Amino acid sequence: MADTRPEDRKDLPQTEESSSSKVSRRSFLSHLGAAGVAATAAPLIATKPAVAAVETSEQDAAEAAAKAAGKVAVTLKINGKRTRLWIDPRATLLDALREDANLTGTKKGCDHGQCGACTVHVNGRRVNSCLSFAQMHQDDEITTIEGIGQPGNLHPMQAAFVEHDGYQCGYCTSGQIMSAVALLKEPCGPADADVKELMSGNICRCGAYPNIVAAVQQVRMRS
C-alpha cells in the first residue's frame, strides 16, 4: 500500500467527521465570545445602581455625623429654591446662608445688627440676617444678593450703583443694594434727605453716601 505524504493529504476530500469538527470549533468559539461580552457588560449594567448605593451611603453617613455633632435639619427657600441644610440649632440666618448654603454675597460686618452689611429680604421685607435664627425661616421666602441679579442681567439698582460708583471697598455694597431695592416698595419722600433716612441702617465706612443716594434716586425716577 502506497504511503500518503503530508502534502498530498490536503487534496483528499473532507470527511463528514472533519467538517462537523470544524463547525463545532467555530460554534464553541462564538459561544465563548458571547460569554465574554456578557461577563464584560454585567459590571457596566450594575455601575449605576452601585454608584447610587454609594451616594446614599455617603449621605446617610454625613447625616449621622451631623446628628452626632448636635446639628438639626432645616429646609430654607432661598432665591426661589428649596435647600435642605444641617445647621447648628443656634445658627443665625446669616451664618446658615454663608457657611452652609455657600451664598457668600451676604456679608458679616458687625454681627450686631448695626451696620446693615448682612441685609437680605424675608417675604419681601429687608431684615438684618445676623439677628434672626435660621430655624425661624423654614416657611419664608428668602432673597439674597445672588437672587437680585447676575452678571449680564443686573437688577436696575445694581446697574445704577455701578454707573454712579456707589461703592469703594465694596464690603457693604450687597447690603446697601438689598436695602435700596426694598426701599423702592416702601413709603419714601422724594427728597435726598428722605432716601438718607430710609438708608440710615446701612453704614458705608468709605463714605460713598452721595453716590449711593444718587443711584437710588435714579432708579426711583425711572421706576
Foldseek 3Di string as FASTA:
>chain_A
DDDDDPVNVVVDDDDPVVVVVVVVVVVVVVVVVVVVVVVVCVVVVCVVVVVVVVVVVVVVVVVVVLVVVVWDWAWAQELNRTDIWTGHQQAFQQCCVCPTVVNPCQADDPLPQQAQSRWWDWQLATDRRSPHHPRVHRPIYIYFLVNQADVVGHHLLVVLCVVLVLADPCSSVRRLSNQLVSVLVPDFDLDLVRVCVSSVSHDHPVPSSVSSSRSSNVVSVVD
